[in-house]
N, C-alpha and C. Protein backbone atom coordinates (compact mmCIF):
# COMPACT_ATOMS: atom_id res chain seq x y z
N ILE A 1 -21.58 -4.92 12.22
CA ILE A 1 -21.64 -5.19 13.66
C ILE A 1 -20.39 -4.63 14.31
N TYR A 2 -20.55 -3.99 15.47
CA TYR A 2 -19.37 -3.51 16.18
C TYR A 2 -19.62 -3.46 17.67
N LEU A 3 -18.54 -3.46 18.42
CA LEU A 3 -18.60 -3.30 19.86
C LEU A 3 -18.35 -1.85 20.20
N GLN A 4 -19.27 -1.27 20.89
CA GLN A 4 -19.14 0.15 21.23
C GLN A 4 -18.11 0.31 22.34
N PRO A 5 -17.03 1.10 22.11
CA PRO A 5 -16.01 1.26 23.15
C PRO A 5 -16.53 2.07 24.32
N GLY A 6 -16.08 1.72 25.51
CA GLY A 6 -16.47 2.46 26.71
C GLY A 6 -17.81 1.99 27.22
N GLY A 7 -17.92 1.84 28.51
CA GLY A 7 -19.19 1.43 29.08
C GLY A 7 -19.49 -0.02 28.77
N PRO A 8 -20.75 -0.43 28.94
CA PRO A 8 -21.11 -1.82 28.69
C PRO A 8 -20.90 -2.18 27.23
N ALA A 9 -20.51 -3.41 26.98
CA ALA A 9 -20.34 -3.88 25.61
C ALA A 9 -21.71 -4.05 24.97
N THR A 10 -21.94 -3.38 23.87
CA THR A 10 -23.21 -3.49 23.16
C THR A 10 -22.93 -3.77 21.70
N ILE A 11 -23.83 -4.48 21.07
CA ILE A 11 -23.70 -4.80 19.65
C ILE A 11 -24.80 -4.07 18.91
N GLU A 12 -24.41 -3.30 17.91
CA GLU A 12 -25.38 -2.54 17.14
C GLU A 12 -25.13 -2.77 15.66
N ALA A 13 -26.17 -2.58 14.89
CA ALA A 13 -26.02 -2.66 13.44
C ALA A 13 -25.33 -1.41 12.94
N LEU A 14 -24.35 -1.58 12.08
CA LEU A 14 -23.60 -0.46 11.53
C LEU A 14 -23.96 -0.30 10.07
N ASP A 15 -24.46 0.86 9.71
CA ASP A 15 -24.84 1.15 8.32
C ASP A 15 -23.63 0.98 7.41
N ASP A 16 -23.84 0.28 6.27
CA ASP A 16 -22.74 0.06 5.32
C ASP A 16 -22.12 1.36 4.85
N GLU A 17 -22.91 2.43 4.80
CA GLU A 17 -22.42 3.71 4.29
C GLU A 17 -22.04 4.68 5.39
N ALA A 18 -22.06 4.22 6.63
CA ALA A 18 -21.70 5.10 7.74
C ALA A 18 -20.27 5.61 7.56
N GLU A 19 -20.06 6.88 7.82
CA GLU A 19 -18.74 7.47 7.68
C GLU A 19 -17.89 7.15 8.92
N LEU A 20 -16.78 6.48 8.68
CA LEU A 20 -15.83 6.14 9.72
C LEU A 20 -14.50 6.76 9.36
N ALA A 21 -13.59 6.81 10.31
CA ALA A 21 -12.27 7.39 10.02
C ALA A 21 -11.25 6.85 11.00
N TYR A 22 -10.00 6.83 10.57
CA TYR A 22 -8.91 6.53 11.49
C TYR A 22 -7.79 7.54 11.26
N ALA A 23 -7.04 7.80 12.31
CA ALA A 23 -6.01 8.83 12.28
C ALA A 23 -4.62 8.20 12.14
N LEU A 24 -3.75 8.91 11.44
CA LEU A 24 -2.32 8.59 11.37
C LEU A 24 -1.59 9.83 11.86
N PRO A 25 -1.51 10.00 13.17
CA PRO A 25 -1.02 11.28 13.72
C PRO A 25 0.42 11.61 13.37
N ARG A 26 1.27 10.60 13.09
CA ARG A 26 2.66 10.91 12.74
C ARG A 26 2.75 11.74 11.46
N TRP A 27 1.72 11.61 10.61
CA TRP A 27 1.73 12.34 9.35
C TRP A 27 0.59 13.36 9.28
N ASP A 28 -0.05 13.60 10.42
CA ASP A 28 -1.16 14.57 10.50
C ASP A 28 -2.23 14.24 9.46
N LEU A 29 -2.70 12.99 9.48
CA LEU A 29 -3.67 12.51 8.51
C LEU A 29 -4.88 11.90 9.22
N GLU A 30 -6.02 12.03 8.58
CA GLU A 30 -7.23 11.31 8.98
C GLU A 30 -7.85 10.73 7.71
N LEU A 31 -8.04 9.42 7.69
CA LEU A 31 -8.54 8.73 6.51
C LEU A 31 -9.95 8.22 6.76
N GLU A 32 -10.87 8.58 5.88
CA GLU A 32 -12.24 8.12 5.99
C GLU A 32 -12.41 6.79 5.26
N PHE A 33 -13.36 5.98 5.74
CA PHE A 33 -13.70 4.72 5.10
C PHE A 33 -15.12 4.35 5.50
N THR A 34 -15.65 3.28 4.90
CA THR A 34 -16.96 2.77 5.29
C THR A 34 -16.79 1.37 5.84
N ALA A 35 -17.87 0.83 6.38
CA ALA A 35 -17.82 -0.49 7.02
C ALA A 35 -17.48 -1.59 6.03
N LEU A 36 -17.68 -1.38 4.74
CA LEU A 36 -17.41 -2.40 3.74
C LEU A 36 -16.01 -2.31 3.15
N ASN A 37 -15.24 -1.29 3.51
CA ASN A 37 -13.90 -1.12 2.97
C ASN A 37 -12.87 -1.92 3.75
N PHE A 38 -11.81 -2.34 3.06
CA PHE A 38 -10.70 -3.00 3.75
C PHE A 38 -9.83 -1.96 4.44
N VAL A 39 -9.61 -2.16 5.74
CA VAL A 39 -8.63 -1.37 6.49
C VAL A 39 -7.87 -2.33 7.41
N GLN A 40 -6.70 -1.94 7.84
CA GLN A 40 -5.94 -2.74 8.79
C GLN A 40 -6.59 -2.61 10.17
N VAL A 41 -6.83 -3.75 10.82
CA VAL A 41 -7.58 -3.73 12.08
C VAL A 41 -6.70 -3.40 13.29
N ASN A 42 -5.40 -3.59 13.18
CA ASN A 42 -4.49 -3.29 14.29
C ASN A 42 -3.90 -1.90 14.06
N ALA A 43 -4.54 -0.89 14.63
CA ALA A 43 -4.18 0.49 14.32
C ALA A 43 -2.75 0.83 14.71
N ALA A 44 -2.33 0.39 15.89
CA ALA A 44 -0.98 0.73 16.37
C ALA A 44 0.08 0.10 15.48
N ILE A 45 -0.10 -1.17 15.14
CA ILE A 45 0.89 -1.84 14.29
C ILE A 45 0.82 -1.30 12.88
N ASN A 46 -0.37 -0.94 12.42
CA ASN A 46 -0.47 -0.34 11.09
C ASN A 46 0.38 0.92 11.00
N GLU A 47 0.31 1.77 12.02
CA GLU A 47 1.10 3.00 11.99
C GLU A 47 2.59 2.69 12.01
N ASP A 48 2.99 1.69 12.82
CA ASP A 48 4.40 1.30 12.84
C ASP A 48 4.82 0.71 11.49
N MET A 49 3.92 -0.05 10.86
CA MET A 49 4.22 -0.65 9.56
C MET A 49 4.42 0.42 8.50
N ILE A 50 3.58 1.45 8.53
CA ILE A 50 3.74 2.55 7.58
C ILE A 50 5.08 3.23 7.79
N ALA A 51 5.42 3.50 9.05
CA ALA A 51 6.69 4.17 9.34
C ALA A 51 7.87 3.34 8.85
N LEU A 52 7.83 2.02 9.10
CA LEU A 52 8.90 1.15 8.64
C LEU A 52 8.98 1.12 7.12
N THR A 53 7.84 1.03 6.47
CA THR A 53 7.79 0.99 5.01
C THR A 53 8.37 2.26 4.41
N LEU A 54 7.98 3.40 4.95
CA LEU A 54 8.50 4.66 4.43
C LEU A 54 9.99 4.78 4.67
N ALA A 55 10.46 4.28 5.81
CA ALA A 55 11.90 4.33 6.09
C ALA A 55 12.67 3.46 5.10
N LYS A 56 12.12 2.28 4.79
CA LYS A 56 12.79 1.38 3.84
C LYS A 56 12.70 1.91 2.41
N LEU A 57 11.58 2.51 2.07
CA LEU A 57 11.45 3.07 0.73
C LEU A 57 12.38 4.26 0.54
N ALA A 58 12.53 5.05 1.60
CA ALA A 58 13.47 6.18 1.62
C ALA A 58 13.26 7.12 0.44
N ALA A 59 12.01 7.48 0.20
CA ALA A 59 11.71 8.41 -0.89
C ALA A 59 12.12 9.82 -0.50
N ARG A 60 12.77 10.51 -1.42
CA ARG A 60 13.21 11.88 -1.17
C ARG A 60 12.18 12.88 -1.70
N GLY A 61 12.37 14.10 -1.34
CA GLY A 61 11.44 15.14 -1.73
C GLY A 61 11.43 15.47 -3.20
N ASP A 62 12.36 14.91 -3.97
CA ASP A 62 12.39 15.15 -5.42
C ASP A 62 12.02 13.89 -6.21
N GLN A 63 11.46 12.88 -5.56
CA GLN A 63 11.23 11.60 -6.22
C GLN A 63 9.74 11.30 -6.40
N ARG A 64 9.43 10.57 -7.49
CA ARG A 64 8.07 10.09 -7.76
C ARG A 64 7.96 8.64 -7.29
N VAL A 65 6.84 8.33 -6.64
CA VAL A 65 6.62 7.00 -6.09
C VAL A 65 5.35 6.42 -6.67
N LEU A 66 5.40 5.16 -7.08
CA LEU A 66 4.24 4.42 -7.56
C LEU A 66 3.79 3.47 -6.47
N ASP A 67 2.52 3.59 -6.06
CA ASP A 67 1.95 2.73 -5.02
C ASP A 67 0.88 1.86 -5.67
N LEU A 68 1.22 0.58 -5.90
CA LEU A 68 0.28 -0.35 -6.52
C LEU A 68 -0.49 -1.12 -5.45
N PHE A 69 -1.78 -1.33 -5.69
CA PHE A 69 -2.71 -1.90 -4.71
C PHE A 69 -2.84 -0.92 -3.53
N CYS A 70 -3.10 0.33 -3.85
CA CYS A 70 -2.99 1.40 -2.86
C CYS A 70 -4.17 1.50 -1.90
N GLY A 71 -5.28 0.81 -2.20
CA GLY A 71 -6.43 0.88 -1.31
C GLY A 71 -6.94 2.30 -1.18
N LEU A 72 -7.28 2.71 0.04
CA LEU A 72 -7.83 4.04 0.26
C LEU A 72 -6.77 5.07 0.64
N GLY A 73 -5.49 4.70 0.41
CA GLY A 73 -4.42 5.67 0.63
C GLY A 73 -3.62 5.47 1.90
N ASN A 74 -3.71 4.29 2.50
CA ASN A 74 -3.04 4.02 3.78
C ASN A 74 -1.55 4.31 3.72
N PHE A 75 -0.88 3.93 2.63
CA PHE A 75 0.54 4.23 2.45
C PHE A 75 0.74 5.48 1.59
N SER A 76 -0.13 5.65 0.59
CA SER A 76 0.07 6.73 -0.38
C SER A 76 0.12 8.11 0.27
N LEU A 77 -0.81 8.36 1.18
CA LEU A 77 -0.90 9.71 1.73
C LEU A 77 0.26 10.02 2.68
N PRO A 78 0.67 9.11 3.57
CA PRO A 78 1.91 9.37 4.29
C PRO A 78 3.11 9.56 3.36
N LEU A 79 3.18 8.76 2.28
CA LEU A 79 4.27 8.91 1.31
C LEU A 79 4.27 10.29 0.67
N ALA A 80 3.09 10.83 0.44
CA ALA A 80 3.00 12.15 -0.18
C ALA A 80 3.61 13.23 0.69
N ARG A 81 3.65 13.00 1.99
CA ARG A 81 4.28 13.96 2.90
C ARG A 81 5.80 13.99 2.72
N GLU A 82 6.37 12.93 2.11
CA GLU A 82 7.83 12.79 2.09
C GLU A 82 8.42 12.76 0.69
N SER A 83 7.58 12.84 -0.35
CA SER A 83 8.09 12.72 -1.72
C SER A 83 7.50 13.81 -2.59
N ALA A 84 7.99 13.89 -3.82
CA ALA A 84 7.50 14.92 -4.73
C ALA A 84 6.11 14.60 -5.24
N GLU A 85 5.87 13.31 -5.56
CA GLU A 85 4.59 12.91 -6.12
C GLU A 85 4.35 11.43 -5.87
N VAL A 86 3.11 11.08 -5.59
CA VAL A 86 2.71 9.69 -5.43
C VAL A 86 1.57 9.40 -6.38
N VAL A 87 1.68 8.30 -7.10
CA VAL A 87 0.59 7.82 -7.96
C VAL A 87 0.11 6.50 -7.38
N GLY A 88 -1.14 6.45 -6.97
CA GLY A 88 -1.72 5.25 -6.39
C GLY A 88 -2.64 4.56 -7.39
N ILE A 89 -2.48 3.24 -7.53
CA ILE A 89 -3.30 2.46 -8.46
C ILE A 89 -3.98 1.35 -7.66
N GLU A 90 -5.28 1.20 -7.92
CA GLU A 90 -6.09 0.24 -7.17
C GLU A 90 -7.18 -0.32 -8.08
N GLY A 91 -7.52 -1.60 -7.89
CA GLY A 91 -8.53 -2.22 -8.73
C GLY A 91 -9.96 -1.91 -8.33
N ASP A 92 -10.19 -1.57 -7.09
CA ASP A 92 -11.53 -1.30 -6.57
C ASP A 92 -11.85 0.18 -6.76
N GLY A 93 -12.82 0.47 -7.64
CA GLY A 93 -13.14 1.86 -7.94
C GLY A 93 -13.61 2.65 -6.73
N ALA A 94 -14.33 2.01 -5.82
CA ALA A 94 -14.80 2.71 -4.61
C ALA A 94 -13.62 3.14 -3.75
N LEU A 95 -12.59 2.30 -3.67
CA LEU A 95 -11.40 2.66 -2.89
C LEU A 95 -10.62 3.78 -3.57
N VAL A 96 -10.58 3.78 -4.89
CA VAL A 96 -9.92 4.86 -5.62
C VAL A 96 -10.59 6.20 -5.29
N GLU A 97 -11.93 6.21 -5.31
CA GLU A 97 -12.66 7.43 -4.97
C GLU A 97 -12.38 7.87 -3.54
N LEU A 98 -12.32 6.90 -2.62
CA LEU A 98 -12.03 7.24 -1.23
C LEU A 98 -10.62 7.79 -1.07
N ALA A 99 -9.66 7.18 -1.77
CA ALA A 99 -8.27 7.65 -1.69
C ALA A 99 -8.17 9.10 -2.16
N ALA A 100 -8.82 9.41 -3.28
CA ALA A 100 -8.81 10.78 -3.79
C ALA A 100 -9.49 11.72 -2.82
N ALA A 101 -10.60 11.28 -2.24
CA ALA A 101 -11.30 12.12 -1.26
C ALA A 101 -10.46 12.33 -0.02
N ASN A 102 -9.74 11.30 0.40
CA ASN A 102 -8.87 11.44 1.56
C ASN A 102 -7.72 12.41 1.28
N ALA A 103 -7.22 12.40 0.05
CA ALA A 103 -6.18 13.37 -0.30
C ALA A 103 -6.73 14.79 -0.19
N ARG A 104 -7.92 15.00 -0.73
CA ARG A 104 -8.52 16.34 -0.64
C ARG A 104 -8.80 16.71 0.80
N ARG A 105 -9.30 15.76 1.56
CA ARG A 105 -9.64 16.02 2.98
C ARG A 105 -8.41 16.48 3.75
N ASN A 106 -7.27 15.92 3.41
CA ASN A 106 -6.03 16.25 4.13
C ASN A 106 -5.18 17.29 3.40
N ARG A 107 -5.76 17.91 2.38
CA ARG A 107 -5.11 18.99 1.63
C ARG A 107 -3.77 18.54 1.03
N ILE A 108 -3.80 17.35 0.45
CA ILE A 108 -2.61 16.81 -0.21
C ILE A 108 -2.80 16.94 -1.71
N GLY A 109 -1.94 17.72 -2.35
CA GLY A 109 -2.07 17.98 -3.77
C GLY A 109 -1.11 17.21 -4.65
N ASN A 110 -0.21 16.44 -4.05
CA ASN A 110 0.80 15.73 -4.83
C ASN A 110 0.57 14.22 -4.87
N ALA A 111 -0.68 13.80 -4.65
CA ALA A 111 -1.04 12.39 -4.76
C ALA A 111 -2.24 12.26 -5.69
N SER A 112 -2.15 11.35 -6.66
CA SER A 112 -3.26 11.10 -7.58
C SER A 112 -3.55 9.61 -7.59
N PHE A 113 -4.79 9.26 -7.96
CA PHE A 113 -5.23 7.87 -7.87
C PHE A 113 -6.01 7.49 -9.12
N ALA A 114 -5.85 6.23 -9.53
CA ALA A 114 -6.55 5.73 -10.71
C ALA A 114 -6.89 4.26 -10.52
N GLN A 115 -7.91 3.83 -11.23
CA GLN A 115 -8.33 2.44 -11.16
C GLN A 115 -7.71 1.64 -12.30
N ALA A 116 -7.21 0.45 -11.99
CA ALA A 116 -6.70 -0.47 -13.00
C ALA A 116 -6.73 -1.88 -12.43
N ASP A 117 -6.97 -2.85 -13.28
CA ASP A 117 -6.98 -4.25 -12.87
C ASP A 117 -5.53 -4.73 -12.77
N LEU A 118 -5.05 -4.88 -11.55
CA LEU A 118 -3.65 -5.27 -11.35
C LEU A 118 -3.46 -6.79 -11.31
N SER A 119 -4.54 -7.51 -11.56
CA SER A 119 -4.43 -8.97 -11.64
C SER A 119 -4.04 -9.44 -13.04
N GLU A 120 -4.02 -8.49 -13.99
CA GLU A 120 -3.56 -8.81 -15.34
C GLU A 120 -2.88 -7.57 -15.92
N SER A 121 -2.02 -7.77 -16.89
CA SER A 121 -1.29 -6.67 -17.49
C SER A 121 -1.60 -6.61 -18.97
N THR A 122 -2.23 -5.51 -19.39
CA THR A 122 -2.61 -5.37 -20.79
C THR A 122 -1.67 -4.48 -21.58
N GLY A 123 -0.84 -3.72 -20.89
CA GLY A 123 0.07 -2.82 -21.56
C GLY A 123 -0.48 -1.44 -21.81
N ALA A 124 -1.79 -1.23 -21.48
CA ALA A 124 -2.41 0.05 -21.78
C ALA A 124 -2.49 0.97 -20.57
N GLU A 125 -2.13 0.49 -19.40
CA GLU A 125 -2.29 1.26 -18.18
C GLU A 125 -1.38 2.49 -18.21
N HIS A 126 -1.94 3.63 -17.82
CA HIS A 126 -1.16 4.87 -17.89
C HIS A 126 0.02 4.85 -16.92
N TRP A 127 -0.08 4.08 -15.82
CA TRP A 127 1.00 4.09 -14.85
C TRP A 127 2.27 3.44 -15.39
N ARG A 128 2.14 2.70 -16.47
CA ARG A 128 3.32 2.04 -17.03
C ARG A 128 4.24 3.03 -17.75
N GLN A 129 3.80 4.26 -17.92
CA GLN A 129 4.61 5.23 -18.65
C GLN A 129 5.77 5.78 -17.82
N GLY A 130 5.57 5.87 -16.48
CA GLY A 130 6.63 6.35 -15.63
C GLY A 130 7.00 7.80 -15.94
N PRO A 131 8.21 8.23 -15.54
CA PRO A 131 9.15 7.44 -14.73
C PRO A 131 8.79 7.47 -13.25
N PHE A 132 9.25 6.44 -12.53
CA PHE A 132 9.09 6.38 -11.08
C PHE A 132 10.42 6.00 -10.46
N ASP A 133 10.77 6.66 -9.38
CA ASP A 133 12.03 6.36 -8.68
C ASP A 133 11.89 5.18 -7.73
N LYS A 134 10.73 5.07 -7.10
CA LYS A 134 10.49 4.00 -6.12
C LYS A 134 9.11 3.41 -6.38
N VAL A 135 8.94 2.12 -6.01
CA VAL A 135 7.66 1.44 -6.17
C VAL A 135 7.31 0.74 -4.85
N LEU A 136 6.07 0.90 -4.44
CA LEU A 136 5.55 0.19 -3.28
C LEU A 136 4.48 -0.79 -3.75
N LEU A 137 4.58 -2.03 -3.28
CA LEU A 137 3.61 -3.07 -3.59
C LEU A 137 2.98 -3.55 -2.29
N ASP A 138 1.64 -3.60 -2.26
CA ASP A 138 0.93 -4.15 -1.10
C ASP A 138 -0.25 -4.97 -1.61
N PRO A 139 0.04 -6.10 -2.29
CA PRO A 139 -1.02 -6.85 -2.97
C PRO A 139 -1.83 -7.71 -2.01
N PRO A 140 -2.94 -8.27 -2.51
CA PRO A 140 -3.68 -9.27 -1.74
C PRO A 140 -2.91 -10.58 -1.69
N ARG A 141 -3.51 -11.60 -1.11
CA ARG A 141 -2.83 -12.88 -0.93
C ARG A 141 -2.36 -13.49 -2.25
N SER A 142 -3.02 -13.16 -3.34
CA SER A 142 -2.64 -13.72 -4.64
C SER A 142 -1.32 -13.17 -5.15
N GLY A 143 -0.81 -12.10 -4.56
CA GLY A 143 0.49 -11.57 -4.95
C GLY A 143 0.42 -10.57 -6.09
N ALA A 144 1.58 -10.30 -6.67
CA ALA A 144 1.70 -9.22 -7.65
C ALA A 144 2.31 -9.70 -8.96
N ALA A 145 2.12 -10.97 -9.31
CA ALA A 145 2.81 -11.55 -10.46
C ALA A 145 2.56 -10.79 -11.76
N ALA A 146 1.33 -10.31 -11.96
CA ALA A 146 0.98 -9.68 -13.23
C ALA A 146 1.65 -8.34 -13.45
N VAL A 147 2.10 -7.69 -12.39
CA VAL A 147 2.67 -6.34 -12.56
C VAL A 147 4.19 -6.33 -12.48
N LEU A 148 4.82 -7.48 -12.28
CA LEU A 148 6.28 -7.49 -12.11
C LEU A 148 7.01 -7.10 -13.39
N ALA A 149 6.53 -7.57 -14.54
CA ALA A 149 7.20 -7.23 -15.80
C ALA A 149 7.14 -5.73 -16.08
N PRO A 150 5.96 -5.09 -16.00
CA PRO A 150 5.94 -3.64 -16.23
C PRO A 150 6.71 -2.85 -15.18
N ILE A 151 6.77 -3.34 -13.95
CA ILE A 151 7.59 -2.67 -12.94
C ILE A 151 9.05 -2.75 -13.36
N ALA A 152 9.48 -3.91 -13.80
CA ALA A 152 10.88 -4.07 -14.23
C ALA A 152 11.20 -3.12 -15.38
N GLU A 153 10.22 -2.91 -16.30
CA GLU A 153 10.43 -1.99 -17.40
C GLU A 153 10.61 -0.55 -16.92
N LEU A 154 9.94 -0.21 -15.82
CA LEU A 154 10.09 1.13 -15.25
C LEU A 154 11.47 1.34 -14.62
N ALA A 155 12.13 0.24 -14.26
CA ALA A 155 13.48 0.27 -13.69
C ALA A 155 13.60 1.20 -12.48
N PRO A 156 12.72 1.05 -11.47
CA PRO A 156 12.88 1.87 -10.27
C PRO A 156 14.14 1.49 -9.52
N GLU A 157 14.66 2.43 -8.76
CA GLU A 157 15.88 2.10 -8.00
C GLU A 157 15.58 1.22 -6.80
N ARG A 158 14.32 1.24 -6.32
CA ARG A 158 13.97 0.41 -5.16
C ARG A 158 12.50 0.02 -5.22
N ILE A 159 12.22 -1.21 -4.80
CA ILE A 159 10.86 -1.72 -4.62
C ILE A 159 10.73 -2.18 -3.17
N VAL A 160 9.67 -1.77 -2.51
CA VAL A 160 9.33 -2.31 -1.20
C VAL A 160 8.02 -3.07 -1.35
N TYR A 161 8.03 -4.30 -0.91
CA TYR A 161 6.91 -5.23 -1.12
C TYR A 161 6.37 -5.63 0.26
N ILE A 162 5.10 -5.28 0.52
CA ILE A 162 4.41 -5.70 1.74
C ILE A 162 3.50 -6.86 1.37
N SER A 163 3.56 -7.94 2.13
CA SER A 163 2.81 -9.14 1.77
C SER A 163 2.08 -9.72 2.98
N CYS A 164 0.85 -10.19 2.72
CA CYS A 164 0.11 -10.90 3.76
C CYS A 164 0.17 -12.41 3.54
N HIS A 165 0.95 -12.85 2.54
CA HIS A 165 1.05 -14.28 2.24
C HIS A 165 2.48 -14.61 1.83
N PRO A 166 3.28 -15.17 2.75
CA PRO A 166 4.70 -15.41 2.46
C PRO A 166 4.95 -16.24 1.21
N ALA A 167 4.05 -17.15 0.87
CA ALA A 167 4.29 -18.01 -0.30
C ALA A 167 4.29 -17.21 -1.59
N THR A 168 3.35 -16.29 -1.75
CA THR A 168 3.34 -15.51 -2.99
C THR A 168 4.45 -14.46 -2.98
N LEU A 169 4.83 -13.98 -1.82
CA LEU A 169 6.00 -13.09 -1.75
C LEU A 169 7.24 -13.84 -2.21
N ALA A 170 7.42 -15.08 -1.74
CA ALA A 170 8.59 -15.87 -2.15
C ALA A 170 8.58 -16.10 -3.66
N ARG A 171 7.40 -16.41 -4.22
CA ARG A 171 7.29 -16.60 -5.67
C ARG A 171 7.68 -15.33 -6.42
N ASP A 172 7.12 -14.18 -6.00
CA ASP A 172 7.39 -12.93 -6.70
C ASP A 172 8.83 -12.46 -6.49
N ALA A 173 9.38 -12.74 -5.31
CA ALA A 173 10.79 -12.40 -5.07
C ALA A 173 11.69 -13.18 -6.03
N GLY A 174 11.35 -14.45 -6.26
CA GLY A 174 12.13 -15.25 -7.20
C GLY A 174 12.10 -14.66 -8.59
N THR A 175 10.95 -14.12 -8.99
CA THR A 175 10.84 -13.50 -10.31
C THR A 175 11.64 -12.21 -10.40
N LEU A 176 11.49 -11.36 -9.38
CA LEU A 176 12.20 -10.08 -9.39
C LEU A 176 13.71 -10.29 -9.42
N VAL A 177 14.18 -11.26 -8.67
CA VAL A 177 15.63 -11.50 -8.59
C VAL A 177 16.12 -12.32 -9.78
N GLY A 178 15.46 -13.45 -10.02
CA GLY A 178 15.95 -14.38 -11.03
C GLY A 178 15.72 -13.93 -12.46
N ARG A 179 14.60 -13.25 -12.73
CA ARG A 179 14.28 -12.87 -14.10
C ARG A 179 14.64 -11.42 -14.41
N TYR A 180 14.46 -10.54 -13.42
CA TYR A 180 14.60 -9.12 -13.70
C TYR A 180 15.82 -8.47 -13.05
N GLY A 181 16.62 -9.23 -12.33
CA GLY A 181 17.91 -8.74 -11.88
C GLY A 181 17.90 -7.83 -10.67
N PHE A 182 16.76 -7.76 -9.95
CA PHE A 182 16.77 -6.99 -8.71
C PHE A 182 17.51 -7.77 -7.63
N VAL A 183 17.95 -7.06 -6.61
CA VAL A 183 18.68 -7.68 -5.50
C VAL A 183 17.84 -7.56 -4.24
N LEU A 184 17.56 -8.69 -3.60
CA LEU A 184 16.84 -8.68 -2.33
C LEU A 184 17.82 -8.25 -1.24
N THR A 185 17.60 -7.05 -0.68
CA THR A 185 18.56 -6.50 0.28
C THR A 185 18.11 -6.62 1.72
N GLU A 186 16.80 -6.69 1.96
CA GLU A 186 16.29 -6.83 3.33
C GLU A 186 14.97 -7.57 3.30
N ALA A 187 14.68 -8.28 4.39
CA ALA A 187 13.38 -8.94 4.53
C ALA A 187 13.09 -9.15 6.01
N GLY A 188 11.82 -9.12 6.36
CA GLY A 188 11.43 -9.34 7.74
C GLY A 188 9.94 -9.52 7.86
N VAL A 189 9.45 -9.66 9.07
CA VAL A 189 8.02 -9.85 9.30
C VAL A 189 7.52 -8.84 10.32
N ILE A 190 6.23 -8.55 10.24
CA ILE A 190 5.55 -7.63 11.14
C ILE A 190 4.40 -8.41 11.76
N ASP A 191 4.34 -8.46 13.08
CA ASP A 191 3.32 -9.26 13.77
C ASP A 191 2.03 -8.45 13.89
N MET A 192 1.27 -8.43 12.81
CA MET A 192 0.03 -7.66 12.77
C MET A 192 -1.06 -8.31 13.62
N PHE A 193 -1.02 -9.63 13.75
CA PHE A 193 -2.07 -10.37 14.45
C PHE A 193 -1.45 -11.26 15.53
N PRO A 194 -1.13 -10.68 16.70
CA PRO A 194 -0.50 -11.47 17.77
C PRO A 194 -1.32 -12.69 18.15
N HIS A 195 -0.62 -13.75 18.54
CA HIS A 195 -1.23 -15.01 18.97
C HIS A 195 -1.92 -15.75 17.83
N THR A 196 -1.55 -15.42 16.59
CA THR A 196 -2.02 -16.17 15.43
C THR A 196 -0.81 -16.52 14.58
N ALA A 197 -1.04 -17.36 13.58
CA ALA A 197 0.05 -17.76 12.67
C ALA A 197 0.22 -16.78 11.52
N HIS A 198 -0.59 -15.72 11.47
CA HIS A 198 -0.56 -14.79 10.35
C HIS A 198 0.41 -13.64 10.62
N VAL A 199 1.20 -13.30 9.62
CA VAL A 199 2.13 -12.17 9.73
C VAL A 199 2.08 -11.36 8.44
N GLU A 200 2.48 -10.12 8.53
CA GLU A 200 2.76 -9.30 7.35
C GLU A 200 4.27 -9.40 7.10
N SER A 201 4.65 -9.58 5.88
CA SER A 201 6.07 -9.64 5.52
C SER A 201 6.45 -8.37 4.76
N ILE A 202 7.71 -7.99 4.87
CA ILE A 202 8.21 -6.84 4.13
C ILE A 202 9.53 -7.22 3.51
N ALA A 203 9.70 -6.87 2.25
CA ALA A 203 10.95 -7.17 1.54
C ALA A 203 11.37 -5.95 0.73
N VAL A 204 12.67 -5.73 0.66
CA VAL A 204 13.24 -4.59 -0.05
C VAL A 204 14.09 -5.12 -1.21
N PHE A 205 13.82 -4.60 -2.41
CA PHE A 205 14.57 -5.00 -3.60
C PHE A 205 15.20 -3.75 -4.21
N ASP A 206 16.49 -3.82 -4.46
CA ASP A 206 17.19 -2.73 -5.13
C ASP A 206 17.55 -3.14 -6.55
N ARG A 207 17.57 -2.16 -7.44
CA ARG A 207 17.90 -2.42 -8.84
C ARG A 207 19.33 -2.89 -8.95
N GLY A 208 19.54 -3.98 -9.69
CA GLY A 208 20.88 -4.48 -9.89
C GLY A 208 21.68 -3.62 -10.82
N HIS A 209 22.98 -3.68 -10.73
CA HIS A 209 23.85 -2.86 -11.59
C HIS A 209 24.71 -3.78 -12.46
């Protein structure tokens, strides 16, 4: 169901497989999706959130970045514009296919995508081999507890964690700092849904010395 922009408001049935797209003009990108895929509904804030995340991650042109819970490439593809290589990992196979298709659509050759269950850690995932200089986490409300140990083994110099649930971010931050020796250097919130109690949180962790 959707409201047709412009003219009288009308409600029409939207085919589950209908091709939709949104633009990220700061990075000259257009990302395709379907009505059943997860996308951020606040387009303007999403673009600002990506810009802030990339600024905090500060990936250089010679660095490899691991994007866990990458979805259809919302962060991965802008990151590919600023780094040497991006590896995106996602549990939903349909989103992995879309992310790869979006990379091809935008002629991005330095981003690759693979499917893995990030709710548990078996030790067999190829992404655990590294090396990665930076890691981006954008998990669901359940958080990223299962992947914190393998991330710590990769020893990235920086982790940026985007969260839609402050409680699981606080839990995972405690693990990264208390168990694995990372330092929480910055934290803040992004008002993705004005006039509601819901916020996106962002936290920056640097490797301890």
